[in-house]
Amino acid sequence: MRFVVALTGASGAIYGIDLAARLLAVSKGANVYCAATPPALEVMSRELGIGDVRKAVAVRMAHFDSDFAGAHDPRLRVFAADDFDAPLASGSFRFDAMAVSPCSMNTLGKCAAGTADNIIVRAAEAALRERRRLVLVPRETPLALTHLRNMATLSEAGAVILPACPAFYRNPQSVEDLVDFVTSRTMSAMGIRGGTMREWGDEK
């Protein structure tokens, strides 16, 4: 299976890194294609202390899979958002699901307007055209009316708008628990089973 994980310049870089790591951990046959904008790399450096997607995913994977091949695992491919030679730049590149996590309001607006000036927006457009699963994880507050209208436009077009709003009914004990909630919900919206969040009523 092929999954696309895009990181943009909103705060919350851990959401995208954690998602990419969990996708690789859940399915040994999964291939994850990551794309990051320059602001995303700056945010990563500030928030995680690592400004490289591949290294950040490798560090995160150490929590889930001791057999992970590290930063050189061939199942993980990383591209700059302006790399128009990347597979993601073409609508002919088939993938099973895509998530933009975190999704900045800038990228959200471009997706809503069809302004495909980078491979992240191009891939998102392809997902909408081909009726593939597209999950956008905005991390912004408060929201302007233009933001809400852009979200409505994308929801009507078939995208899932999944704000990074962790719940507290599971009595989270750490930031890790909050990140895990958002990642698990994102994976579910992508049609992937294997997140660690139990369904309500499941006491096992």
N, C-alpha and C. Protein backbone atom coordinates (compact mmCIF):
# COMPACT_ATOMS: atom_id res chain seq x y z
N MET A 1 0.84 -1.19 0.00
CA MET A 1 0.00 0.00 0.00
C MET A 1 0.88 1.25 0.00
N ARG A 2 0.35 2.31 -0.57
CA ARG A 2 1.06 3.58 -0.61
C ARG A 2 0.28 4.64 0.15
N PHE A 3 0.97 5.31 1.05
CA PHE A 3 0.36 6.39 1.81
C PHE A 3 1.19 7.66 1.64
N VAL A 4 0.50 8.78 1.54
CA VAL A 4 1.17 10.08 1.44
C VAL A 4 0.94 10.84 2.74
N VAL A 5 2.03 11.33 3.32
CA VAL A 5 1.95 12.16 4.52
C VAL A 5 2.66 13.48 4.21
N ALA A 6 1.91 14.56 4.27
CA ALA A 6 2.47 15.88 3.97
C ALA A 6 2.51 16.72 5.23
N LEU A 7 3.61 17.42 5.42
CA LEU A 7 3.77 18.32 6.56
C LEU A 7 3.89 19.75 6.07
N THR A 8 3.13 20.63 6.68
CA THR A 8 3.19 22.05 6.30
C THR A 8 3.57 22.87 7.52
N GLY A 9 3.51 24.19 7.37
CA GLY A 9 4.11 25.07 8.37
C GLY A 9 3.32 25.36 9.62
N ALA A 10 2.22 24.65 9.86
CA ALA A 10 1.48 24.85 11.11
C ALA A 10 2.23 24.22 12.27
N SER A 11 1.99 24.72 13.46
CA SER A 11 2.55 24.09 14.65
C SER A 11 1.95 22.70 14.80
N GLY A 12 2.73 21.80 15.40
CA GLY A 12 2.26 20.42 15.56
C GLY A 12 2.95 19.45 14.63
N ALA A 13 4.24 19.68 14.37
CA ALA A 13 4.99 18.80 13.47
C ALA A 13 4.97 17.36 13.94
N ILE A 14 4.86 17.15 15.25
CA ILE A 14 4.86 15.79 15.78
C ILE A 14 3.71 14.96 15.22
N TYR A 15 2.60 15.60 14.85
CA TYR A 15 1.46 14.86 14.32
C TYR A 15 1.83 14.16 13.01
N GLY A 16 2.48 14.87 12.11
CA GLY A 16 2.86 14.27 10.83
C GLY A 16 3.95 13.23 10.98
N ILE A 17 4.93 13.52 11.83
CA ILE A 17 6.02 12.57 12.05
C ILE A 17 5.50 11.30 12.71
N ASP A 18 4.65 11.45 13.71
CA ASP A 18 4.09 10.29 14.39
C ASP A 18 3.24 9.46 13.44
N LEU A 19 2.47 10.12 12.58
CA LEU A 19 1.64 9.41 11.61
C LEU A 19 2.49 8.59 10.66
N ALA A 20 3.53 9.20 10.10
CA ALA A 20 4.40 8.47 9.17
C ALA A 20 5.03 7.26 9.85
N ALA A 21 5.49 7.44 11.08
CA ALA A 21 6.12 6.34 11.81
C ALA A 21 5.13 5.22 12.08
N ARG A 22 3.92 5.56 12.48
CA ARG A 22 2.93 4.53 12.78
C ARG A 22 2.48 3.78 11.53
N LEU A 23 2.38 4.48 10.42
CA LEU A 23 2.01 3.80 9.17
C LEU A 23 3.04 2.75 8.81
N LEU A 24 4.30 3.08 8.98
CA LEU A 24 5.37 2.12 8.69
C LEU A 24 5.35 0.97 9.69
N ALA A 25 5.00 1.27 10.93
CA ALA A 25 5.00 0.24 11.97
C ALA A 25 3.83 -0.72 11.82
N VAL A 26 2.68 -0.20 11.41
CA VAL A 26 1.46 -1.01 11.33
C VAL A 26 1.53 -2.02 10.20
N SER A 27 2.06 -1.62 9.06
CA SER A 27 2.09 -2.51 7.90
C SER A 27 3.50 -2.60 7.34
N LYS A 28 4.06 -3.80 7.39
CA LYS A 28 5.41 -4.00 6.86
C LYS A 28 5.45 -3.80 5.34
N GLY A 29 4.28 -3.92 4.70
CA GLY A 29 4.24 -3.76 3.26
C GLY A 29 3.90 -2.35 2.83
N ALA A 30 3.78 -1.44 3.79
CA ALA A 30 3.41 -0.07 3.46
C ALA A 30 4.60 0.73 2.98
N ASN A 31 4.35 1.59 2.02
CA ASN A 31 5.34 2.57 1.56
C ASN A 31 4.78 3.95 1.87
N VAL A 32 5.57 4.76 2.53
CA VAL A 32 5.12 6.08 2.94
C VAL A 32 5.92 7.13 2.18
N TYR A 33 5.19 8.02 1.52
CA TYR A 33 5.78 9.11 0.75
C TYR A 33 5.52 10.40 1.51
N CYS A 34 6.57 11.02 1.99
CA CYS A 34 6.45 12.26 2.76
C CYS A 34 6.88 13.46 1.93
N ALA A 35 6.16 14.54 2.10
CA ALA A 35 6.55 15.80 1.48
C ALA A 35 6.44 16.88 2.55
N ALA A 36 7.38 17.81 2.54
CA ALA A 36 7.39 18.86 3.56
C ALA A 36 7.73 20.20 2.93
N THR A 37 7.02 21.23 3.36
CA THR A 37 7.32 22.58 2.91
C THR A 37 8.49 23.14 3.72
N PRO A 38 9.17 24.18 3.21
CA PRO A 38 10.24 24.80 4.00
C PRO A 38 9.79 25.27 5.38
N PRO A 39 8.61 25.91 5.50
CA PRO A 39 8.15 26.28 6.86
C PRO A 39 7.95 25.06 7.76
N ALA A 40 7.54 23.93 7.18
CA ALA A 40 7.37 22.72 7.99
C ALA A 40 8.69 22.28 8.60
N LEU A 41 9.75 22.37 7.82
CA LEU A 41 11.07 21.98 8.33
C LEU A 41 11.54 22.92 9.43
N GLU A 42 11.21 24.20 9.29
CA GLU A 42 11.57 25.16 10.33
C GLU A 42 10.81 24.86 11.62
N VAL A 43 9.52 24.55 11.48
CA VAL A 43 8.71 24.22 12.66
C VAL A 43 9.24 22.95 13.32
N MET A 44 9.57 21.95 12.51
CA MET A 44 10.14 20.71 13.04
C MET A 44 11.39 20.97 13.87
N SER A 45 12.25 21.80 13.33
CA SER A 45 13.51 22.11 14.01
C SER A 45 13.25 22.77 15.36
N ARG A 46 12.28 23.67 15.40
CA ARG A 46 11.97 24.37 16.65
C ARG A 46 11.27 23.46 17.66
N GLU A 47 10.32 22.66 17.17
CA GLU A 47 9.49 21.88 18.08
C GLU A 47 10.09 20.53 18.46
N LEU A 48 10.81 19.91 17.53
CA LEU A 48 11.34 18.57 17.76
C LEU A 48 12.85 18.53 17.90
N GLY A 49 13.50 19.62 17.53
CA GLY A 49 14.96 19.64 17.59
C GLY A 49 15.61 18.90 16.43
N ILE A 50 14.80 18.53 15.44
CA ILE A 50 15.30 17.83 14.25
C ILE A 50 14.65 18.49 13.03
N GLY A 51 15.46 18.94 12.10
CA GLY A 51 14.93 19.61 10.92
C GLY A 51 14.93 18.74 9.68
N ASP A 52 14.99 17.43 9.87
CA ASP A 52 15.04 16.48 8.76
C ASP A 52 13.94 15.44 8.95
N VAL A 53 13.05 15.32 7.97
CA VAL A 53 11.90 14.42 8.09
C VAL A 53 12.34 12.98 8.30
N ARG A 54 13.28 12.54 7.49
CA ARG A 54 13.71 11.14 7.56
C ARG A 54 14.28 10.81 8.94
N LYS A 55 15.10 11.68 9.46
CA LYS A 55 15.69 11.43 10.78
C LYS A 55 14.63 11.47 11.88
N ALA A 56 13.70 12.41 11.75
CA ALA A 56 12.65 12.53 12.77
C ALA A 56 11.76 11.29 12.79
N VAL A 57 11.43 10.76 11.61
CA VAL A 57 10.61 9.54 11.55
C VAL A 57 11.38 8.36 12.12
N ALA A 58 12.67 8.29 11.83
CA ALA A 58 13.49 7.19 12.34
C ALA A 58 13.54 7.21 13.87
N VAL A 59 13.68 8.40 14.44
CA VAL A 59 13.69 8.52 15.90
C VAL A 59 12.35 8.09 16.47
N ARG A 60 11.28 8.51 15.82
CA ARG A 60 9.94 8.15 16.29
C ARG A 60 9.69 6.66 16.17
N MET A 61 10.18 6.06 15.11
CA MET A 61 9.98 4.63 14.88
C MET A 61 10.61 3.78 15.97
N ALA A 62 11.62 4.30 16.61
CA ALA A 62 12.29 3.54 17.68
C ALA A 62 11.32 3.20 18.80
N HIS A 63 10.23 3.98 18.90
CA HIS A 63 9.22 3.70 19.93
C HIS A 63 8.35 2.51 19.57
N PHE A 64 8.21 2.24 18.26
CA PHE A 64 7.23 1.26 17.82
C PHE A 64 7.81 -0.03 17.25
N ASP A 65 8.99 0.05 16.66
CA ASP A 65 9.49 -1.09 15.89
C ASP A 65 11.01 -1.18 16.01
N SER A 66 11.48 -2.14 16.78
CA SER A 66 12.92 -2.30 16.97
C SER A 66 13.62 -2.81 15.72
N ASP A 67 12.85 -3.34 14.76
CA ASP A 67 13.44 -3.87 13.54
C ASP A 67 13.50 -2.84 12.41
N PHE A 68 13.03 -1.62 12.68
CA PHE A 68 13.02 -0.58 11.66
C PHE A 68 14.44 -0.31 11.17
N ALA A 69 14.59 -0.15 9.87
CA ALA A 69 15.92 0.01 9.27
C ALA A 69 16.49 1.41 9.46
N GLY A 70 15.81 2.23 10.23
CA GLY A 70 16.34 3.56 10.52
C GLY A 70 16.10 4.54 9.38
N ALA A 71 16.91 5.58 9.36
CA ALA A 71 16.71 6.66 8.40
C ALA A 71 16.87 6.22 6.96
N HIS A 72 17.41 5.04 6.73
CA HIS A 72 17.64 4.58 5.36
C HIS A 72 16.62 3.53 4.91
N ASP A 73 15.56 3.35 5.67
CA ASP A 73 14.54 2.37 5.29
C ASP A 73 13.96 2.74 3.92
N PRO A 74 14.00 1.82 2.95
CA PRO A 74 13.53 2.14 1.60
C PRO A 74 12.02 2.34 1.51
N ARG A 75 11.28 1.94 2.54
CA ARG A 75 9.83 2.12 2.51
C ARG A 75 9.43 3.57 2.74
N LEU A 76 10.36 4.36 3.23
CA LEU A 76 10.10 5.78 3.49
C LEU A 76 10.81 6.62 2.45
N ARG A 77 10.04 7.41 1.71
CA ARG A 77 10.61 8.31 0.73
C ARG A 77 10.20 9.73 1.07
N VAL A 78 11.15 10.63 1.01
CA VAL A 78 10.92 12.01 1.45
C VAL A 78 11.24 12.97 0.31
N PHE A 79 10.36 13.94 0.11
CA PHE A 79 10.52 14.90 -0.98
C PHE A 79 10.28 16.32 -0.47
N ALA A 80 10.95 17.26 -1.11
CA ALA A 80 10.66 18.67 -0.85
C ALA A 80 9.36 19.03 -1.56
N ALA A 81 8.63 19.96 -1.00
CA ALA A 81 7.33 20.32 -1.57
C ALA A 81 7.45 20.91 -2.97
N ASP A 82 8.62 21.44 -3.30
CA ASP A 82 8.81 22.05 -4.63
C ASP A 82 9.53 21.11 -5.60
N ASP A 83 9.62 19.84 -5.26
CA ASP A 83 10.29 18.86 -6.13
C ASP A 83 9.29 18.32 -7.14
N PHE A 84 9.18 18.98 -8.28
CA PHE A 84 8.18 18.59 -9.26
C PHE A 84 8.60 17.39 -10.09
N ASP A 85 9.78 16.84 -9.81
CA ASP A 85 10.18 15.57 -10.41
C ASP A 85 9.75 14.38 -9.55
N ALA A 86 9.21 14.67 -8.38
CA ALA A 86 8.79 13.61 -7.46
C ALA A 86 7.52 12.93 -7.99
N PRO A 87 7.31 11.67 -7.64
CA PRO A 87 6.10 10.96 -8.09
C PRO A 87 4.81 11.70 -7.71
N LEU A 88 4.81 12.34 -6.55
CA LEU A 88 3.60 13.01 -6.08
C LEU A 88 3.15 14.14 -6.99
N ALA A 89 4.03 14.63 -7.84
CA ALA A 89 3.70 15.75 -8.70
C ALA A 89 2.76 15.35 -9.83
N SER A 90 2.62 14.06 -10.06
CA SER A 90 1.81 13.59 -11.19
C SER A 90 0.51 12.94 -10.71
N GLY A 91 -0.57 13.25 -11.39
CA GLY A 91 -1.85 12.63 -11.08
C GLY A 91 -1.87 11.16 -11.40
N SER A 92 -0.91 10.69 -12.19
CA SER A 92 -0.86 9.26 -12.53
C SER A 92 -0.26 8.42 -11.41
N PHE A 93 0.32 9.08 -10.40
CA PHE A 93 0.88 8.36 -9.26
C PHE A 93 -0.26 7.93 -8.35
N ARG A 94 -0.43 6.64 -8.21
CA ARG A 94 -1.55 6.11 -7.43
C ARG A 94 -1.13 5.85 -5.99
N PHE A 95 -1.97 6.29 -5.08
CA PHE A 95 -1.75 6.03 -3.66
C PHE A 95 -3.10 5.71 -3.02
N ASP A 96 -3.05 5.09 -1.86
CA ASP A 96 -4.27 4.63 -1.21
C ASP A 96 -4.94 5.69 -0.35
N ALA A 97 -4.16 6.52 0.30
CA ALA A 97 -4.72 7.57 1.15
C ALA A 97 -3.66 8.62 1.40
N MET A 98 -4.13 9.82 1.71
CA MET A 98 -3.22 10.94 1.96
C MET A 98 -3.68 11.72 3.17
N ALA A 99 -2.73 12.19 3.95
CA ALA A 99 -3.04 13.09 5.07
C ALA A 99 -2.08 14.26 5.04
N VAL A 100 -2.60 15.45 5.25
CA VAL A 100 -1.77 16.64 5.43
C VAL A 100 -1.83 16.96 6.92
N SER A 101 -0.73 16.69 7.61
CA SER A 101 -0.73 16.77 9.07
C SER A 101 0.62 17.24 9.58
N PRO A 102 0.69 18.42 10.16
CA PRO A 102 -0.40 19.37 10.32
C PRO A 102 -0.66 20.14 9.02
N CYS A 103 -1.86 20.65 8.88
CA CYS A 103 -2.24 21.39 7.68
C CYS A 103 -2.37 22.87 8.02
N SER A 104 -1.51 23.67 7.43
CA SER A 104 -1.56 25.11 7.67
C SER A 104 -2.77 25.71 6.95
N MET A 105 -3.19 26.88 7.39
CA MET A 105 -4.31 27.55 6.72
C MET A 105 -3.91 27.98 5.32
N ASN A 106 -2.62 28.22 5.09
CA ASN A 106 -2.13 28.55 3.76
C ASN A 106 -2.35 27.38 2.81
N THR A 107 -1.94 26.18 3.23
CA THR A 107 -2.12 25.00 2.39
C THR A 107 -3.59 24.66 2.24
N LEU A 108 -4.36 24.81 3.30
CA LEU A 108 -5.79 24.55 3.23
C LEU A 108 -6.44 25.45 2.19
N GLY A 109 -6.07 26.73 2.20
CA GLY A 109 -6.63 27.66 1.23
C GLY A 109 -6.25 27.32 -0.19
N LYS A 110 -5.00 26.89 -0.39
CA LYS A 110 -4.57 26.51 -1.74
C LYS A 110 -5.33 25.27 -2.22
N CYS A 111 -5.53 24.31 -1.34
CA CYS A 111 -6.28 23.11 -1.72
C CYS A 111 -7.72 23.48 -2.09
N ALA A 112 -8.32 24.40 -1.34
CA ALA A 112 -9.69 24.80 -1.60
C ALA A 112 -9.81 25.56 -2.92
N ALA A 113 -8.78 26.36 -3.23
CA ALA A 113 -8.82 27.18 -4.44
C ALA A 113 -8.24 26.48 -5.65
N GLY A 114 -7.60 25.32 -5.45
CA GLY A 114 -6.99 24.61 -6.57
C GLY A 114 -5.70 25.26 -7.04
N THR A 115 -5.00 25.94 -6.13
CA THR A 115 -3.74 26.59 -6.47
C THR A 115 -2.60 25.61 -6.24
N ALA A 116 -2.34 24.78 -7.23
CA ALA A 116 -1.37 23.69 -7.07
C ALA A 116 0.04 24.15 -7.38
N ASP A 117 0.61 24.94 -6.47
CA ASP A 117 1.96 25.46 -6.71
C ASP A 117 3.03 24.62 -6.04
N ASN A 118 2.65 23.48 -5.44
CA ASN A 118 3.64 22.54 -4.92
C ASN A 118 3.06 21.13 -5.00
N ILE A 119 3.88 20.14 -4.73
CA ILE A 119 3.43 18.76 -4.94
C ILE A 119 2.44 18.30 -3.87
N ILE A 120 2.41 18.99 -2.74
CA ILE A 120 1.42 18.63 -1.72
C ILE A 120 0.02 18.95 -2.22
N VAL A 121 -0.15 20.15 -2.74
CA VAL A 121 -1.47 20.54 -3.25
C VAL A 121 -1.82 19.73 -4.49
N ARG A 122 -0.83 19.44 -5.32
CA ARG A 122 -1.09 18.60 -6.50
C ARG A 122 -1.60 17.23 -6.10
N ALA A 123 -0.96 16.62 -5.11
CA ALA A 123 -1.38 15.30 -4.66
C ALA A 123 -2.77 15.36 -4.04
N ALA A 124 -3.05 16.43 -3.30
CA ALA A 124 -4.38 16.59 -2.70
C ALA A 124 -5.44 16.73 -3.79
N GLU A 125 -5.13 17.48 -4.83
CA GLU A 125 -6.06 17.61 -5.95
C GLU A 125 -6.31 16.26 -6.61
N ALA A 126 -5.24 15.49 -6.79
CA ALA A 126 -5.38 14.16 -7.39
C ALA A 126 -6.27 13.28 -6.54
N ALA A 127 -6.11 13.37 -5.22
CA ALA A 127 -6.94 12.57 -4.32
C ALA A 127 -8.41 12.92 -4.48
N LEU A 128 -8.70 14.20 -4.58
CA LEU A 128 -10.09 14.63 -4.75
C LEU A 128 -10.64 14.20 -6.10
N ARG A 129 -9.84 14.34 -7.15
CA ARG A 129 -10.30 13.96 -8.49
C ARG A 129 -10.56 12.47 -8.59
N GLU A 130 -9.67 11.69 -7.98
CA GLU A 130 -9.74 10.24 -8.10
C GLU A 130 -10.57 9.60 -6.99
N ARG A 131 -11.16 10.43 -6.15
CA ARG A 131 -11.99 9.95 -5.03
C ARG A 131 -11.19 9.05 -4.08
N ARG A 132 -9.95 9.43 -3.84
CA ARG A 132 -9.15 8.73 -2.84
C ARG A 132 -9.31 9.45 -1.49
N ARG A 133 -8.95 8.75 -0.44
CA ARG A 133 -9.11 9.35 0.89
C ARG A 133 -8.10 10.47 1.09
N LEU A 134 -8.62 11.63 1.46
CA LEU A 134 -7.79 12.80 1.76
C LEU A 134 -8.19 13.33 3.12
N VAL A 135 -7.25 13.37 4.04
CA VAL A 135 -7.51 13.85 5.40
C VAL A 135 -6.65 15.08 5.66
N LEU A 136 -7.29 16.16 6.05
CA LEU A 136 -6.58 17.39 6.36
C LEU A 136 -6.68 17.63 7.86
N VAL A 137 -5.53 17.84 8.49
CA VAL A 137 -5.47 17.99 9.95
C VAL A 137 -5.04 19.42 10.29
N PRO A 138 -5.99 20.36 10.29
CA PRO A 138 -5.64 21.74 10.62
C PRO A 138 -5.32 21.89 12.10
N ARG A 139 -4.36 22.74 12.40
CA ARG A 139 -3.98 23.02 13.78
C ARG A 139 -3.88 24.53 13.91
N GLU A 140 -5.02 25.16 14.08
CA GLU A 140 -5.08 26.62 14.16
C GLU A 140 -6.24 27.02 15.05
N THR A 141 -6.07 28.12 15.77
CA THR A 141 -7.16 28.66 16.59
C THR A 141 -6.83 30.10 16.95
N PRO A 142 -7.82 31.00 16.94
CA PRO A 142 -9.18 30.80 16.45
C PRO A 142 -9.21 30.73 14.93
N LEU A 143 -10.37 30.41 14.40
CA LEU A 143 -10.52 30.28 12.96
C LEU A 143 -11.28 31.47 12.39
N ALA A 144 -10.78 32.01 11.29
CA ALA A 144 -11.47 33.09 10.59
C ALA A 144 -12.56 32.51 9.71
N LEU A 145 -13.48 33.35 9.29
CA LEU A 145 -14.56 32.90 8.42
C LEU A 145 -14.01 32.30 7.13
N THR A 146 -12.93 32.89 6.61
CA THR A 146 -12.34 32.35 5.38
C THR A 146 -11.82 30.93 5.61
N HIS A 147 -11.26 30.67 6.78
CA HIS A 147 -10.80 29.31 7.09
C HIS A 147 -11.97 28.34 7.09
N LEU A 148 -13.06 28.72 7.74
CA LEU A 148 -14.23 27.86 7.83
C LEU A 148 -14.82 27.59 6.45
N ARG A 149 -14.85 28.62 5.61
CA ARG A 149 -15.38 28.44 4.26
C ARG A 149 -14.49 27.51 3.44
N ASN A 150 -13.18 27.66 3.59
CA ASN A 150 -12.27 26.76 2.88
C ASN A 150 -12.47 25.32 3.34
N MET A 151 -12.66 25.12 4.64
CA MET A 151 -12.91 23.77 5.15
C MET A 151 -14.21 23.21 4.59
N ALA A 152 -15.24 24.04 4.53
CA ALA A 152 -16.52 23.59 3.99
C ALA A 152 -16.38 23.21 2.52
N THR A 153 -15.64 24.02 1.77
CA THR A 153 -15.42 23.72 0.35
C THR A 153 -14.75 22.37 0.17
N LEU A 154 -13.72 22.12 0.96
CA LEU A 154 -12.98 20.86 0.84
C LEU A 154 -13.80 19.68 1.34
N SER A 155 -14.58 19.89 2.37
CA SER A 155 -15.45 18.81 2.86
C SER A 155 -16.48 18.44 1.79
N GLU A 156 -17.04 19.43 1.13
CA GLU A 156 -18.00 19.17 0.06
C GLU A 156 -17.35 18.46 -1.11
N ALA A 157 -16.05 18.70 -1.31
CA ALA A 157 -15.32 18.06 -2.41
C ALA A 157 -14.92 16.63 -2.08
N GLY A 158 -15.06 16.24 -0.80
CA GLY A 158 -14.77 14.86 -0.44
C GLY A 158 -13.66 14.67 0.58
N ALA A 159 -13.00 15.74 0.99
CA ALA A 159 -11.94 15.61 1.98
C ALA A 159 -12.53 15.46 3.38
N VAL A 160 -11.76 14.85 4.26
CA VAL A 160 -12.12 14.76 5.67
C VAL A 160 -11.34 15.85 6.41
N ILE A 161 -12.06 16.72 7.10
CA ILE A 161 -11.43 17.77 7.90
C ILE A 161 -11.35 17.25 9.33
N LEU A 162 -10.13 17.02 9.80
CA LEU A 162 -9.91 16.41 11.11
C LEU A 162 -9.03 17.33 11.96
N PRO A 163 -9.63 18.30 12.64
CA PRO A 163 -8.82 19.22 13.45
C PRO A 163 -8.00 18.47 14.51
N ALA A 164 -6.82 18.97 14.77
CA ALA A 164 -5.96 18.34 15.79
C ALA A 164 -6.47 18.72 17.17
N CYS A 165 -7.58 18.11 17.54
CA CYS A 165 -8.23 18.39 18.83
C CYS A 165 -8.30 17.11 19.65
N PRO A 166 -7.28 16.79 20.42
CA PRO A 166 -7.30 15.56 21.21
C PRO A 166 -8.39 15.60 22.27
N ALA A 167 -9.00 14.45 22.52
CA ALA A 167 -10.05 14.34 23.53
C ALA A 167 -9.44 13.97 24.88
N PHE A 168 -10.24 14.16 25.92
CA PHE A 168 -9.76 13.91 27.27
C PHE A 168 -10.56 12.84 28.00
N TYR A 169 -11.51 12.21 27.30
CA TYR A 169 -12.34 11.21 27.99
C TYR A 169 -11.58 9.92 28.29
N ARG A 170 -10.40 9.75 27.70
CA ARG A 170 -9.56 8.59 28.03
C ARG A 170 -8.56 8.91 29.14
N ASN A 171 -8.70 10.09 29.73
CA ASN A 171 -7.81 10.51 30.82
C ASN A 171 -6.33 10.42 30.42
N PRO A 172 -5.94 11.19 29.41
CA PRO A 172 -4.54 11.16 28.96
C PRO A 172 -3.59 11.55 30.08
N GLN A 173 -2.47 10.87 30.13
CA GLN A 173 -1.49 11.09 31.18
C GLN A 173 -0.25 11.84 30.69
N SER A 174 -0.17 12.07 29.39
CA SER A 174 1.03 12.70 28.84
C SER A 174 0.72 13.33 27.50
N VAL A 175 1.66 14.13 27.02
CA VAL A 175 1.54 14.69 25.67
C VAL A 175 1.51 13.56 24.64
N GLU A 176 2.25 12.50 24.91
CA GLU A 176 2.26 11.34 24.01
C GLU A 176 0.85 10.80 23.81
N ASP A 177 0.07 10.75 24.89
CA ASP A 177 -1.30 10.26 24.79
C ASP A 177 -2.14 11.16 23.90
N LEU A 178 -1.93 12.46 23.98
CA LEU A 178 -2.69 13.40 23.16
C LEU A 178 -2.31 13.27 21.69
N VAL A 179 -1.03 13.12 21.42
CA VAL A 179 -0.57 12.91 20.04
C VAL A 179 -1.14 11.61 19.50
N ASP A 180 -1.12 10.57 20.32
CA ASP A 180 -1.62 9.27 19.91
C ASP A 180 -3.08 9.33 19.52
N PHE A 181 -3.87 10.12 20.24
CA PHE A 181 -5.29 10.24 19.92
C PHE A 181 -5.48 10.80 18.52
N VAL A 182 -4.77 11.90 18.22
CA VAL A 182 -4.92 12.53 16.90
C VAL A 182 -4.42 11.60 15.80
N THR A 183 -3.30 10.94 16.02
CA THR A 183 -2.77 10.01 15.02
C THR A 183 -3.73 8.86 14.77
N SER A 184 -4.29 8.30 15.83
CA SER A 184 -5.22 7.18 15.68
C SER A 184 -6.46 7.60 14.91
N ARG A 185 -6.98 8.79 15.20
CA ARG A 185 -8.16 9.27 14.47
C ARG A 185 -7.82 9.53 13.00
N THR A 186 -6.63 10.04 12.76
CA THR A 186 -6.20 10.30 11.38
C THR A 186 -6.10 8.99 10.60
N MET A 187 -5.49 7.99 11.20
CA MET A 187 -5.36 6.69 10.55
C MET A 187 -6.74 6.09 10.26
N SER A 188 -7.65 6.22 11.19
CA SER A 188 -9.00 5.71 10.99
C SER A 188 -9.66 6.40 9.80
N ALA A 189 -9.50 7.73 9.72
CA ALA A 189 -10.08 8.49 8.61
C ALA A 189 -9.45 8.12 7.28
N MET A 190 -8.19 7.66 7.32
CA MET A 190 -7.51 7.20 6.11
C MET A 190 -7.91 5.78 5.72
N GLY A 191 -8.75 5.16 6.56
CA GLY A 191 -9.18 3.80 6.28
C GLY A 191 -8.22 2.74 6.75
N ILE A 192 -7.40 3.08 7.74
CA ILE A 192 -6.35 2.17 8.20
C ILE A 192 -6.64 1.73 9.63
N ARG A 193 -6.69 0.45 9.84
CA ARG A 193 -6.82 -0.10 11.18
C ARG A 193 -5.42 -0.32 11.75
N GLY A 194 -5.30 -0.16 13.05
CA GLY A 194 -3.99 -0.38 13.65
C GLY A 194 -3.56 0.72 14.59
N GLY A 195 -4.38 1.77 14.70
CA GLY A 195 -4.07 2.79 15.68
C GLY A 195 -4.25 2.23 17.08
N THR A 196 -3.68 2.86 18.06
CA THR A 196 -3.73 2.33 19.42
C THR A 196 -4.98 2.75 20.19
N MET A 197 -5.77 3.65 19.64
CA MET A 197 -6.96 4.11 20.34
C MET A 197 -8.06 3.06 20.25
N ARG A 198 -8.55 2.61 21.41
CA ARG A 198 -9.63 1.62 21.44
C ARG A 198 -10.95 2.30 21.15
N GLU A 199 -11.86 1.53 20.54
CA GLU A 199 -13.20 2.05 20.31
C GLU A 199 -13.94 2.16 21.64
N TRP A 200 -14.86 3.10 21.71
CA TRP A 200 -15.61 3.31 22.94
C TRP A 200 -16.38 2.05 23.30
N GLY A 201 -16.26 1.63 24.55
CA GLY A 201 -16.93 0.42 24.99
C GLY A 201 -16.07 -0.81 24.91
N ASP A 202 -14.91 -0.70 24.25
CA ASP A 202 -13.98 -1.83 24.17
C ASP A 202 -13.11 -1.81 25.41
N GLU A 203 -13.33 -2.76 26.28
CA GLU A 203 -12.61 -2.78 27.55
C GLU A 203 -11.36 -3.63 27.50
N LYS A 204 -11.07 -4.24 26.33
CA LYS A 204 -9.91 -5.12 26.25
C LYS A 204 -8.64 -4.31 26.21
